[in-house]
Amino acid sequence: MYDEKKFKKYLKEAEDFFIQKRGTPFILSPEDVQLILFWFKREVPLEVVKRGIEEVFEKLKERDPEKKINTIKYCAQRIEELFRENQKLKARSWHKESAKIDIASSLNKNMENLKEFFKDKNEYKKHYEKFQKKIEELKKIEDLEEIEDNLKK
């Protein structure tokens, strides 16, 4: 839900940070304000916006210290990349925020389900054995993120 008071604070902080990095007085264009509103409505964390601005200014400073950035849109691509990375990390860290998961018992339960599924299906015995072997390998890994990565392969 759009909260004008919160948006004005978000806009002011983003604008102030951009002006600070720019190093000279500046007024955002209406397009820049619309872009910041777009990020606000999508719940792009202000820290992500600031980090994107920071990185773009640092990169430009290395290439051409004399050049000035005249629009926050110049930073938009990097901010969007950082936001996508942030979303991926959030999605992968659900297990860190919830109760501790007993990985071995979860894998054992999956193995039991597979055993039940493959019961009386002798023609798929090789598949069952592959699953069994893979689950045994996964039980040796303690880090859930590593297990997720392993399963994706």
C-alpha atoms as a PDB file:
ATOM      1  CA  MET A   1       0.000   0.000   0.000  1.00  0.00           C
ATOM      2  CA  TYR A   2       1.245   3.469  -0.916  1.00  0.00           C
ATOM      3  CA  ASP A   3       2.106   5.610   2.096  1.00  0.00           C
ATOM      4  CA  GLU A   4       2.917   9.180   1.019  1.00  0.00           C
ATOM      5  CA  LYS A   5       4.743  10.021   4.235  1.00  0.00           C
ATOM      6  CA  LYS A   6       7.002   6.973   3.925  1.00  0.00           C
ATOM      7  CA  PHE A   7       7.567   7.684   0.235  1.00  0.00           C
ATOM      8  CA  LYS A   8       8.621  11.286   0.921  1.00  0.00           C
ATOM      9  CA  LYS A   9      11.167  10.042   3.451  1.00  0.00           C
ATOM     10  CA  TYR A  10      12.425   7.383   0.986  1.00  0.00           C
ATOM     11  CA  LEU A  11      12.630   9.984  -1.810  1.00  0.00           C
ATOM     12  CA  LYS A  12      14.453  12.502   0.389  1.00  0.00           C
ATOM     13  CA  GLU A  13      17.027   9.943   1.504  1.00  0.00           C
ATOM     14  CA  ALA A  14      17.629   8.705  -2.064  1.00  0.00           C
ATOM     15  CA  GLU A  15      17.832  12.278  -3.376  1.00  0.00           C
ATOM     16  CA  ASP A  16      20.166  13.446  -0.595  1.00  0.00           C
ATOM     17  CA  PHE A  17      22.453  10.471  -1.146  1.00  0.00           C
ATOM     18  CA  PHE A  18      22.549  11.070  -4.912  1.00  0.00           C
ATOM     19  CA  ILE A  19      23.336  14.776  -4.384  1.00  0.00           C
ATOM     20  CA  GLN A  20      26.044  13.913  -1.851  1.00  0.00           C
ATOM     21  CA  LYS A  21      27.706  11.531  -4.323  1.00  0.00           C
ATOM     22  CA  ARG A  22      27.325  14.051  -7.146  1.00  0.00           C
ATOM     23  CA  GLY A  23      29.057  16.690  -5.035  1.00  0.00           C
ATOM     24  CA  THR A  24      27.089  19.659  -6.385  1.00  0.00           C
ATOM     25  CA  PRO A  25      23.576  21.025  -5.803  1.00  0.00           C
ATOM     26  CA  PHE A  26      20.995  19.291  -7.925  1.00  0.00           C
ATOM     27  CA  ILE A  27      17.240  18.882  -8.343  1.00  0.00           C
ATOM     28  CA  LEU A  28      15.870  15.533  -9.480  1.00  0.00           C
ATOM     29  CA  SER A  29      13.834  15.517 -12.675  1.00  0.00           C
ATOM     30  CA  PRO A  30      10.198  14.360 -12.621  1.00  0.00           C
ATOM     31  CA  GLU A  31      11.370  11.176 -14.388  1.00  0.00           C
ATOM     32  CA  ASP A  32      13.856  10.545 -11.579  1.00  0.00           C
ATOM     33  CA  VAL A  33      11.124  11.027  -8.964  1.00  0.00           C
ATOM     34  CA  GLN A  34       8.905   8.582 -10.899  1.00  0.00           C
ATOM     35  CA  LEU A  35      11.742   6.052 -10.969  1.00  0.00           C
ATOM     36  CA  ILE A  36      12.255   6.356  -7.219  1.00  0.00           C
ATOM     37  CA  LEU A  37       8.486   5.974  -6.713  1.00  0.00           C
ATOM     38  CA  PHE A  38       8.631   2.838  -8.863  1.00  0.00           C
ATOM     39  CA  TRP A  39      11.361   1.401  -6.614  1.00  0.00           C
ATOM     40  CA  PHE A  40       9.447   2.409  -3.491  1.00  0.00           C
ATOM     41  CA  LYS A  41       6.287   0.643  -4.666  1.00  0.00           C
ATOM     42  CA  ARG A  42       8.299  -2.487  -5.525  1.00  0.00           C
ATOM     43  CA  GLU A  43       9.842  -2.322  -2.041  1.00  0.00           C
ATOM     44  CA  VAL A  44      13.412  -1.961  -3.263  1.00  0.00           C
ATOM     45  CA  PRO A  45      15.297  -1.407  -0.003  1.00  0.00           C
ATOM     46  CA  LEU A  46      16.767   2.072   0.309  1.00  0.00           C
ATOM     47  CA  GLU A  47      20.126   0.475   1.102  1.00  0.00           C
ATOM     48  CA  VAL A  48      20.042  -1.238  -2.307  1.00  0.00           C
ATOM     49  CA  VAL A  49      19.304   2.105  -4.007  1.00  0.00           C
ATOM     50  CA  LYS A  50      22.164   3.771  -2.131  1.00  0.00           C
ATOM     51  CA  ARG A  51      24.575   0.939  -2.852  1.00  0.00           C
ATOM     52  CA  GLY A  52      23.721   1.076  -6.544  1.00  0.00           C
ATOM     53  CA  ILE A  53      24.291   4.831  -6.638  1.00  0.00           C
ATOM     54  CA  GLU A  54      27.552   4.426  -4.729  1.00  0.00           C
ATOM     55  CA  GLU A  55      28.862   1.733  -7.090  1.00  0.00           C
ATOM     56  CA  VAL A  56      27.971   3.685 -10.239  1.00  0.00           C
ATOM     57  CA  PHE A  57      29.638   6.855  -8.955  1.00  0.00           C
ATOM     58  CA  GLU A  58      32.769   4.933  -7.921  1.00  0.00           C
ATOM     59  CA  LYS A  59      33.013   3.240 -11.303  1.00  0.00           C
ATOM     60  CA  LEU A  60      32.569   6.529 -13.159  1.00  0.00           C
ATOM     61  CA  LYS A  61      35.110   8.226 -10.894  1.00  0.00           C
ATOM     62  CA  GLU A  62      37.697   5.598 -11.885  1.00  0.00           C
ATOM     63  CA  ARG A  63      36.990   6.042 -15.621  1.00  0.00           C
ATOM     64  CA  ASP A  64      36.384   9.794 -15.867  1.00  0.00           C
ATOM     65  CA  PRO A  65      36.682  11.866 -12.665  1.00  0.00           C
ATOM     66  CA  GLU A  66      35.481  15.026 -14.445  1.00  0.00           C
ATOM     67  CA  LYS A  67      32.170  13.620 -15.698  1.00  0.00           C
ATOM     68  CA  LYS A  68      28.986  14.420 -13.746  1.00  0.00           C
ATOM     69  CA  ILE A  69      25.943  12.192 -13.534  1.00  0.00           C
ATOM     70  CA  ASN A  70      22.847  14.288 -14.281  1.00  0.00           C
ATOM     71  CA  THR A  71      20.112  11.738 -13.631  1.00  0.00           C
ATOM     72  CA  ILE A  72      19.462   8.928 -11.214  1.00  0.00           C
ATOM     73  CA  LYS A  73      18.359   6.897 -14.255  1.00  0.00           C
ATOM     74  CA  TYR A  74      22.079   6.533 -14.968  1.00  0.00           C
ATOM     75  CA  CYS A  75      22.235   4.310 -11.853  1.00  0.00           C
ATOM     76  CA  ALA A  76      18.993   2.406 -12.524  1.00  0.00           C
ATOM     77  CA  GLN A  77      20.503  -0.643 -14.213  1.00  0.00           C
ATOM     78  CA  ARG A  78      22.895  -1.319 -11.337  1.00  0.00           C
ATOM     79  CA  ILE A  79      20.166  -0.743  -8.753  1.00  0.00           C
ATOM     80  CA  GLU A  80      17.907  -3.237 -10.546  1.00  0.00           C
ATOM     81  CA  GLU A  81      20.744  -5.809 -10.666  1.00  0.00           C
ATOM     82  CA  LEU A  82      21.399  -5.383  -6.953  1.00  0.00           C
ATOM     83  CA  PHE A  83      17.682  -5.687  -6.195  1.00  0.00           C
ATOM     84  CA  ARG A  84      17.445  -8.964  -8.141  1.00  0.00           C
ATOM     85  CA  GLU A  85      20.487 -10.289  -6.251  1.00  0.00           C
ATOM     86  CA  ASN A  86      18.885  -9.170  -2.991  1.00  0.00           C
ATOM     87  CA  GLN A  87      15.635 -10.973  -3.877  1.00  0.00           C
ATOM     88  CA  LYS A  88      17.516 -14.187  -4.688  1.00  0.00           C
ATOM     89  CA  LEU A  89      19.328 -14.064  -1.362  1.00  0.00           C
ATOM     90  CA  LYS A  90      16.065 -13.506   0.473  1.00  0.00           C
ATOM     91  CA  ALA A  91      14.471 -16.438  -1.321  1.00  0.00           C
ATOM     92  CA  ARG A  92      17.375 -18.717  -0.462  1.00  0.00           C
ATOM     93  CA  SER A  93      17.608 -17.685   3.173  1.00  0.00           C
ATOM     94  CA  TRP A  94      14.102 -18.712   4.215  1.00  0.00           C
ATOM     95  CA  HIS A  95      15.543 -21.651   6.095  1.00  0.00           C
ATOM     96  CA  LYS A  96      17.901 -19.462   8.118  1.00  0.00           C
ATOM     97  CA  GLU A  97      15.011 -17.433   9.460  1.00  0.00           C
ATOM     98  CA  SER A  98      12.802 -20.375  10.317  1.00  0.00           C
ATOM     99  CA  ALA A  99      13.350 -23.106  12.839  1.00  0.00           C
ATOM    100  CA  LYS A 100      16.402 -25.286  12.424  1.00  0.00           C
ATOM    101  CA  ILE A 101      15.778 -28.027   9.886  1.00  0.00           C
ATOM    102  CA  ASP A 102      16.899 -31.555  10.548  1.00  0.00           C
ATOM    103  CA  ILE A 103      18.340 -32.239   7.110  1.00  0.00           C
ATOM    104  CA  ALA A 104      19.108 -35.910   7.669  1.00  0.00           C
ATOM    105  CA  SER A 105      15.589 -36.758   8.852  1.00  0.00           C
ATOM    106  CA  SER A 106      14.085 -34.819   5.915  1.00  0.00           C
ATOM    107  CA  LEU A 107      16.255 -36.766   3.501  1.00  0.00           C
ATOM    108  CA  ASN A 108      15.366 -40.044   5.248  1.00  0.00           C
ATOM    109  CA  LYS A 109      11.684 -39.203   4.893  1.00  0.00           C
ATOM    110  CA  ASN A 110      12.208 -38.532   1.185  1.00  0.00           C
ATOM    111  CA  MET A 111      13.996 -41.852   0.879  1.00  0.00           C
ATOM    112  CA  GLU A 112      11.070 -43.634   2.523  1.00  0.00           C
ATOM    113  CA  ASN A 113       8.670 -41.962   0.106  1.00  0.00           C
ATOM    114  CA  LEU A 114      10.810 -43.000  -2.849  1.00  0.00           C
ATOM    115  CA  LYS A 115      11.032 -46.549  -1.530  1.00  0.00           C
ATOM    116  CA  GLU A 116       7.239 -46.677  -1.304  1.00  0.00           C
ATOM    117  CA  PHE A 117       6.878 -45.179  -4.778  1.00  0.00           C
ATOM    118  CA  PHE A 118       9.268 -47.673  -6.396  1.00  0.00           C
ATOM    119  CA  LYS A 119       7.864 -50.690  -4.505  1.00  0.00           C
ATOM    120  CA  ASP A 120       6.671 -53.307  -7.012  1.00  0.00           C
ATOM    121  CA  LYS A 121       8.253 -51.415  -9.900  1.00  0.00           C
ATOM    122  CA  ASN A 122      11.259 -53.604 -10.568  1.00  0.00           C
ATOM    123  CA  GLU A 123      11.751 -52.147 -14.037  1.00  0.00           C
ATOM    124  CA  TYR A 124      12.797 -48.873 -12.347  1.00  0.00           C
ATOM    125  CA  LYS A 125      15.213 -50.452  -9.900  1.00  0.00           C
ATOM    126  CA  LYS A 126      18.222 -48.612 -11.414  1.00  0.00           C
ATOM    127  CA  HIS A 127      16.455 -45.263 -10.965  1.00  0.00           C
ATOM    128  CA  TYR A 128      15.644 -46.045  -7.370  1.00  0.00           C
ATOM    129  CA  GLU A 129      19.261 -46.995  -6.698  1.00  0.00           C
ATOM    130  CA  LYS A 130      20.447 -43.706  -8.217  1.00  0.00           C
ATOM    131  CA  PHE A 131      18.072 -41.747  -5.989  1.00  0.00           C
ATOM    132  CA  GLN A 132      19.165 -43.753  -2.974  1.00  0.00           C
ATOM    133  CA  LYS A 133      22.838 -43.105  -3.704  1.00  0.00           C
ATOM    134  CA  LYS A 134      22.218 -39.374  -4.231  1.00  0.00           C
ATOM    135  CA  ILE A 135      20.303 -39.044  -0.971  1.00  0.00           C
ATOM    136  CA  GLU A 136      23.104 -40.797   0.906  1.00  0.00           C
ATOM    137  CA  GLU A 137      25.573 -38.290  -0.603  1.00  0.00           C
ATOM    138  CA  LEU A 138      23.353 -35.370   0.391  1.00  0.00           C
ATOM    139  CA  LYS A 139      23.112 -36.602   3.997  1.00  0.00           C
ATOM    140  CA  LYS A 140      26.865 -36.086   4.321  1.00  0.00           C
ATOM    141  CA  ILE A 141      26.465 -32.367   3.523  1.00  0.00           C
ATOM    142  CA  GLU A 142      25.481 -30.209   6.491  1.00  0.00           C
ATOM    143  CA  ASP A 143      24.877 -26.881   4.746  1.00  0.00           C
ATOM    144  CA  LEU A 144      21.361 -26.529   3.308  1.00  0.00           C
ATOM    145  CA  GLU A 145      22.481 -24.041   0.626  1.00  0.00           C
ATOM    146  CA  GLU A 146      25.090 -26.524  -0.562  1.00  0.00           C
ATOM    147  CA  ILE A 147      22.417 -29.233  -0.707  1.00  0.00           C
ATOM    148  CA  GLU A 148      20.170 -26.919  -2.744  1.00  0.00           C
ATOM    149  CA  ASP A 149      23.011 -26.179  -5.168  1.00  0.00           C
ATOM    150  CA  ASN A 150      23.804 -29.870  -5.421  1.00  0.00           C
ATOM    151  CA  LEU A 151      20.184 -30.755  -6.185  1.00  0.00           C
ATOM    152  CA  LYS A 152      20.010 -28.138  -8.938  1.00  0.00           C
ATOM    153  CA  LYS A 153      22.919 -29.844 -10.688  1.00  0.00           C
END
